[in-house]
Amino acid sequence: MTLIEAGVIAGIPTGAIAGGVMGKVHGVPGVVGGSLAGMAAGAAAGWLYAFLVIGLLSVVGVLWRAARKRADAVPAERDMKLITPIASRGIFVAGLVVLAFWFSLDWACALVAALAIGLATAVIAVGRCELR
């Protein structure tokens, strides 16, 4: 599974749940319509979040290698194969945590949680790759 697929797959049910909850005041048609719209919006948000995680993986990887004074600053394909499973799990965890934060707190806390989980995922994935 690629990171883009992980983002879209995690975003679809998250968006469907959020859309259904927002549409429940309008009855069954509101729940169905909200869920469908939420699925589309969740897929788009998951796609964008996957690109955010890919960017964070690149930044953390380059900084990690630069701090260790390695000549090959750009991660190779072999490194990406080690990073991808951890990063896709981090994307799934972020979808669940962000949904819980959004329902229990507010959207700003959910956004901060998404960014923090993305950075933590990048550091853990790159650390596993570099410290093997």
C-alpha atoms as a PDB file:
ATOM      1  CA  MET A   1       0.000   0.000   0.000  1.00  0.00           C
ATOM      2  CA  THR A   2       1.338   3.397  -0.897  1.00  0.00           C
ATOM      3  CA  LEU A   3       1.025   6.399   1.377  1.00  0.00           C
ATOM      4  CA  ILE A   4      -1.487   8.071  -0.951  1.00  0.00           C
ATOM      5  CA  GLU A   5      -3.706   4.979  -0.796  1.00  0.00           C
ATOM      6  CA  ALA A   6      -3.395   4.919   2.993  1.00  0.00           C
ATOM      7  CA  GLY A   7      -4.476   8.553   3.189  1.00  0.00           C
ATOM      8  CA  VAL A   8      -7.487   8.061   0.953  1.00  0.00           C
ATOM      9  CA  ILE A   9      -8.532   4.807   2.631  1.00  0.00           C
ATOM     10  CA  ALA A  10      -8.258   6.375   6.093  1.00  0.00           C
ATOM     11  CA  GLY A  11     -10.022   9.559   4.984  1.00  0.00           C
ATOM     12  CA  ILE A  12     -13.133   7.946   3.475  1.00  0.00           C
ATOM     13  CA  PRO A  13     -14.608   6.381   6.653  1.00  0.00           C
ATOM     14  CA  THR A  14     -13.479   9.331   8.763  1.00  0.00           C
ATOM     15  CA  GLY A  15     -15.278  11.735   6.438  1.00  0.00           C
ATOM     16  CA  ALA A  16     -18.355   9.499   6.259  1.00  0.00           C
ATOM     17  CA  ILE A  17     -18.659   9.418  10.049  1.00  0.00           C
ATOM     18  CA  ALA A  18     -18.158  13.168  10.371  1.00  0.00           C
ATOM     19  CA  GLY A  19     -20.613  13.922   7.559  1.00  0.00           C
ATOM     20  CA  GLY A  20     -23.218  11.562   8.968  1.00  0.00           C
ATOM     21  CA  VAL A  21     -22.982  13.113  12.406  1.00  0.00           C
ATOM     22  CA  MET A  22     -23.295  16.622  10.990  1.00  0.00           C
ATOM     23  CA  GLY A  23     -26.303  15.634   8.881  1.00  0.00           C
ATOM     24  CA  LYS A  24     -28.235  13.749  11.579  1.00  0.00           C
ATOM     25  CA  VAL A  25     -30.348  16.805  12.450  1.00  0.00           C
ATOM     26  CA  HIS A  26     -31.994  16.449   9.014  1.00  0.00           C
ATOM     27  CA  GLY A  27     -33.052  12.831   9.463  1.00  0.00           C
ATOM     28  CA  VAL A  28     -32.169   9.865   7.315  1.00  0.00           C
ATOM     29  CA  PRO A  29     -31.680  11.849   4.070  1.00  0.00           C
ATOM     30  CA  GLY A  30     -29.338  14.200   5.923  1.00  0.00           C
ATOM     31  CA  VAL A  31     -27.297  11.328   7.315  1.00  0.00           C
ATOM     32  CA  VAL A  32     -27.039   9.640   3.918  1.00  0.00           C
ATOM     33  CA  GLY A  33     -26.209  12.853   2.092  1.00  0.00           C
ATOM     34  CA  GLY A  34     -23.784  13.954   4.771  1.00  0.00           C
ATOM     35  CA  SER A  35     -22.062  10.582   4.719  1.00  0.00           C
ATOM     36  CA  LEU A  36     -21.674  10.644   0.940  1.00  0.00           C
ATOM     37  CA  ALA A  37     -20.362  14.192   0.949  1.00  0.00           C
ATOM     38  CA  GLY A  38     -18.123  13.321   3.892  1.00  0.00           C
ATOM     39  CA  MET A  39     -16.683  10.361   2.005  1.00  0.00           C
ATOM     40  CA  ALA A  40     -15.668  12.592  -0.896  1.00  0.00           C
ATOM     41  CA  ALA A  41     -14.298  15.291   1.396  1.00  0.00           C
ATOM     42  CA  GLY A  42     -12.535  12.686   3.544  1.00  0.00           C
ATOM     43  CA  ALA A  43     -10.861  11.140   0.516  1.00  0.00           C
ATOM     44  CA  ALA A  44      -9.593  14.561  -0.551  1.00  0.00           C
ATOM     45  CA  ALA A  45      -8.443  15.406   2.978  1.00  0.00           C
ATOM     46  CA  GLY A  46      -6.706  12.027   3.310  1.00  0.00           C
ATOM     47  CA  TRP A  47      -4.962  12.600  -0.005  1.00  0.00           C
ATOM     48  CA  LEU A  48      -3.696  15.980   1.182  1.00  0.00           C
ATOM     49  CA  TYR A  49      -2.657  14.558   4.556  1.00  0.00           C
ATOM     50  CA  ALA A  50      -0.687  11.793   2.829  1.00  0.00           C
ATOM     51  CA  PHE A  51       1.220  14.443   0.867  1.00  0.00           C
ATOM     52  CA  LEU A  52       1.885  16.282   4.133  1.00  0.00           C
ATOM     53  CA  VAL A  53       3.322  13.093   5.654  1.00  0.00           C
ATOM     54  CA  ILE A  54       5.431  12.456   2.532  1.00  0.00           C
ATOM     55  CA  GLY A  55       6.822  15.988   2.797  1.00  0.00           C
ATOM     56  CA  LEU A  56       7.554  15.544   6.502  1.00  0.00           C
ATOM     57  CA  LEU A  57       9.279  12.225   5.789  1.00  0.00           C
ATOM     58  CA  SER A  58      11.510  13.957   3.262  1.00  0.00           C
ATOM     59  CA  VAL A  59      12.358  16.868   5.545  1.00  0.00           C
ATOM     60  CA  VAL A  60      13.034  14.684   8.591  1.00  0.00           C
ATOM     61  CA  GLY A  61      15.055  12.231   6.482  1.00  0.00           C
ATOM     62  CA  VAL A  62      17.267  14.926   4.998  1.00  0.00           C
ATOM     63  CA  LEU A  63      17.794  16.631   8.370  1.00  0.00           C
ATOM     64  CA  TRP A  64      18.577  13.293  10.044  1.00  0.00           C
ATOM     65  CA  ARG A  65      21.148  12.399   7.412  1.00  0.00           C
ATOM     66  CA  ALA A  66      22.650  15.891   7.431  1.00  0.00           C
ATOM     67  CA  ALA A  67      23.028  15.783  11.225  1.00  0.00           C
ATOM     68  CA  ARG A  68      24.865  12.484  10.910  1.00  0.00           C
ATOM     69  CA  LYS A  69      27.000  13.952   8.094  1.00  0.00           C
ATOM     70  CA  ARG A  70      26.055  11.310   5.558  1.00  0.00           C
ATOM     71  CA  ALA A  71      26.821  12.054   1.936  1.00  0.00           C
ATOM     72  CA  ASP A  72      23.623  10.489   0.561  1.00  0.00           C
ATOM     73  CA  ALA A  73      21.172  13.062   1.888  1.00  0.00           C
ATOM     74  CA  VAL A  74      18.207  11.901  -0.204  1.00  0.00           C
ATOM     75  CA  PRO A  75      16.450   8.653   0.862  1.00  0.00           C
ATOM     76  CA  ALA A  76      16.845   5.794  -1.617  1.00  0.00           C
ATOM     77  CA  GLU A  77      14.100   3.447  -2.797  1.00  0.00           C
ATOM     78  CA  ARG A  78      15.262   0.836  -0.282  1.00  0.00           C
ATOM     79  CA  ASP A  79      14.803   3.371   2.525  1.00  0.00           C
ATOM     80  CA  MET A  80      11.297   4.234   1.344  1.00  0.00           C
ATOM     81  CA  LYS A  81      10.331   0.548   1.468  1.00  0.00           C
ATOM     82  CA  LEU A  82      11.279   0.527   5.154  1.00  0.00           C
ATOM     83  CA  ILE A  83       9.524   3.816   5.880  1.00  0.00           C
ATOM     84  CA  THR A  84       6.209   3.146   4.105  1.00  0.00           C
ATOM     85  CA  PRO A  85       4.637   0.555   6.490  1.00  0.00           C
ATOM     86  CA  ILE A  86       5.178   2.740   9.548  1.00  0.00           C
ATOM     87  CA  ALA A  87       3.989   5.882   7.784  1.00  0.00           C
ATOM     88  CA  SER A  88       0.794   4.210   6.541  1.00  0.00           C
ATOM     89  CA  ARG A  89      -0.032   3.025  10.063  1.00  0.00           C
ATOM     90  CA  GLY A  90       0.594   6.555  11.314  1.00  0.00           C
ATOM     91  CA  ILE A  91      -1.852   7.929   8.751  1.00  0.00           C
ATOM     92  CA  PHE A  92      -4.554   5.506   9.941  1.00  0.00           C
ATOM     93  CA  VAL A  93      -3.921   6.401  13.588  1.00  0.00           C
ATOM     94  CA  ALA A  94      -4.068  10.094  12.723  1.00  0.00           C
ATOM     95  CA  GLY A  95      -7.482   9.636  11.084  1.00  0.00           C
ATOM     96  CA  LEU A  96      -8.938   8.043  14.193  1.00  0.00           C
ATOM     97  CA  VAL A  97      -7.349  10.444  16.672  1.00  0.00           C
ATOM     98  CA  VAL A  98      -8.312  13.519  14.676  1.00  0.00           C
ATOM     99  CA  LEU A  99     -11.915  12.339  14.466  1.00  0.00           C
ATOM    100  CA  ALA A 100     -12.020  11.762  18.233  1.00  0.00           C
ATOM    101  CA  PHE A 101     -10.424  15.158  18.945  1.00  0.00           C
ATOM    102  CA  TRP A 102     -12.806  16.906  16.569  1.00  0.00           C
ATOM    103  CA  PHE A 103     -15.862  15.386  18.259  1.00  0.00           C
ATOM    104  CA  SER A 104     -14.645  15.860  21.835  1.00  0.00           C
ATOM    105  CA  LEU A 105     -12.805  19.188  21.601  1.00  0.00           C
ATOM    106  CA  ASP A 106     -12.860  21.322  18.438  1.00  0.00           C
ATOM    107  CA  TRP A 107     -11.420  21.504  14.946  1.00  0.00           C
ATOM    108  CA  ALA A 108      -8.332  23.520  15.953  1.00  0.00           C
ATOM    109  CA  CYS A 109      -7.239  20.831  18.425  1.00  0.00           C
ATOM    110  CA  ALA A 110      -7.855  18.194  15.765  1.00  0.00           C
ATOM    111  CA  LEU A 111      -5.687  20.102  13.282  1.00  0.00           C
ATOM    112  CA  VAL A 112      -2.849  20.444  15.803  1.00  0.00           C
ATOM    113  CA  ALA A 113      -3.159  16.727  16.606  1.00  0.00           C
ATOM    114  CA  ALA A 114      -2.951  15.853  12.900  1.00  0.00           C
ATOM    115  CA  LEU A 115       0.215  17.895  12.465  1.00  0.00           C
ATOM    116  CA  ALA A 116       1.776  16.481  15.641  1.00  0.00           C
ATOM    117  CA  ILE A 117       0.958  12.888  14.662  1.00  0.00           C
ATOM    118  CA  GLY A 118       2.331  13.497  11.168  1.00  0.00           C
ATOM    119  CA  LEU A 119       5.618  14.798  12.583  1.00  0.00           C
ATOM    120  CA  ALA A 120       5.840  11.960  15.126  1.00  0.00           C
ATOM    121  CA  THR A 121       5.147   9.420  12.382  1.00  0.00           C
ATOM    122  CA  ALA A 122       7.887  10.907  10.214  1.00  0.00           C
ATOM    123  CA  VAL A 123      10.435  10.881  13.037  1.00  0.00           C
ATOM    124  CA  ILE A 124       9.597   7.289  14.030  1.00  0.00           C
ATOM    125  CA  ALA A 125       9.657   6.026  10.434  1.00  0.00           C
ATOM    126  CA  VAL A 126      12.924   7.749   9.546  1.00  0.00           C
ATOM    127  CA  GLY A 127      14.460   6.695  12.856  1.00  0.00           C
ATOM    128  CA  ARG A 128      13.600   3.064  12.188  1.00  0.00           C
ATOM    129  CA  CYS A 129      15.126   3.317   8.733  1.00  0.00           C
ATOM    130  CA  GLU A 130      18.309   5.026   9.888  1.00  0.00           C
ATOM    131  CA  LEU A 131      18.896   2.996  13.061  1.00  0.00           C
ATOM    132  CA  ARG A 132      18.436  -0.460  11.582  1.00  0.00           C
END
